[in-house]
Protein backbone atom coordinates (compact mmCIF):
# COMPACT_ATOMS: atom_id res chain seq x y z
CA UNK A 1 59.55 -16.38 -40.01
CA UNK A 2 56.02 -14.95 -39.58
CA UNK A 3 53.19 -17.44 -39.67
CA UNK A 4 50.26 -15.03 -39.78
CA UNK A 5 47.72 -14.14 -37.10
CA UNK A 6 49.89 -11.18 -36.12
CA UNK A 7 52.95 -13.32 -35.48
CA UNK A 8 51.30 -15.42 -32.81
CA UNK A 9 51.14 -18.64 -34.78
CA UNK A 10 49.10 -21.37 -33.08
CA UNK A 11 48.19 -19.19 -30.19
CA UNK A 12 46.61 -16.69 -32.57
CA UNK A 13 44.69 -19.38 -34.34
CA UNK A 14 43.30 -20.75 -31.10
CA UNK A 15 42.43 -17.33 -29.83
CA UNK A 16 40.65 -16.56 -33.13
CA UNK A 17 38.71 -19.83 -32.83
CA UNK A 18 37.63 -19.06 -29.24
CA UNK A 19 36.51 -15.56 -30.13
CA UNK A 20 34.60 -16.80 -33.20
CA UNK A 21 32.86 -19.54 -31.21
CA UNK A 22 31.98 -17.04 -28.46
CA UNK A 23 30.39 -14.72 -30.99
CA UNK A 24 28.37 -17.52 -32.62
CA UNK A 25 27.18 -18.83 -29.25
CA UNK A 26 26.26 -15.32 -28.20
CA UNK A 27 24.16 -14.77 -31.37
CA UNK A 28 22.39 -18.14 -30.91
CA UNK A 29 21.52 -17.31 -27.29
CA UNK A 30 20.16 -13.89 -28.29
CA UNK A 31 17.96 -15.45 -30.99
CA UNK A 32 16.69 -18.09 -28.57
CA UNK A 33 15.88 -15.45 -25.95
CA UNK A 34 14.03 -13.31 -28.52
CA UNK A 35 12.01 -16.33 -29.73
CA UNK A 36 11.11 -17.31 -26.15
CA UNK A 37 10.06 -13.75 -25.37
CA UNK A 38 7.70 -13.47 -28.37
CA UNK A 39 6.22 -16.99 -27.86
CA UNK A 40 5.96 -16.47 -24.08
CA UNK A 41 3.01 -14.14 -24.47
CA UNK A 42 0.89 -17.02 -25.81
CA UNK A 43 1.56 -19.30 -22.89
CA UNK A 44 0.66 -16.66 -20.34
CA UNK A 45 -2.79 -16.24 -21.86
CA UNK A 46 -3.52 -19.91 -21.26
CA UNK A 47 -2.69 -19.78 -17.54
CA UNK A 48 -4.93 -16.77 -17.01
CA UNK A 49 -7.99 -18.86 -17.81
CA UNK A 50 -7.47 -20.77 -14.56
CA UNK A 51 -7.95 -17.75 -12.29
CA UNK A 52 -11.74 -18.08 -12.10
CA UNK A 53 -11.65 -21.79 -11.25
CA UNK A 54 -11.75 -23.36 -7.84
CA UNK A 55 -8.90 -25.49 -6.56
CA UNK A 56 -11.04 -28.63 -6.97
CA UNK A 57 -11.77 -27.72 -10.63
CA UNK A 58 -8.04 -27.21 -11.28
CA UNK A 59 -7.18 -30.54 -9.61
CA UNK A 60 -9.88 -32.27 -11.61
CA UNK A 61 -8.65 -30.87 -14.92
CA UNK A 62 -5.06 -31.83 -14.08
CA UNK A 63 -6.14 -35.41 -13.21
CA UNK A 64 -8.15 -35.55 -16.51
CA UNK A 65 -5.12 -34.45 -18.48
CA UNK A 66 -2.95 -37.07 -16.75
CA UNK A 67 -0.66 -34.57 -15.07
CA UNK A 68 -1.25 -36.18 -11.62
CA UNK A 69 -1.83 -39.79 -10.70
CA UNK A 70 -4.95 -41.12 -8.92
CA UNK A 71 -3.20 -41.16 -5.57
CA UNK A 72 -1.99 -37.58 -6.01
CA UNK A 73 -5.47 -36.51 -6.99
CA UNK A 74 -7.09 -38.16 -3.99
CA UNK A 75 -4.41 -36.57 -1.78
CA UNK A 76 -5.18 -33.13 -3.19
CA UNK A 77 -8.89 -33.63 -2.60
CA UNK A 78 -8.36 -34.76 0.96
CA UNK A 79 -6.03 -31.76 1.61
CA UNK A 80 -8.61 -29.41 0.21
CA UNK A 81 -11.34 -30.90 2.44
CA UNK A 82 -9.57 -29.62 5.56
């Protein structure tokens, strides 16, 4: 008695499920990669503005944004003083 899926029965159904999930996951990864690539151009423009700043200015702006704590900021300033 043939059960479909080319006579493989449950094995054919599981194999079909695995292949289908693989194709769906592959498509999702391609879409995510394409979106990141197109939106990545905008983030690079923001980092290029920092090239004309001194290290102290960058540390000060990071401290003002809350990216570093007071202790880390003071450590950066003392390291730059050397």
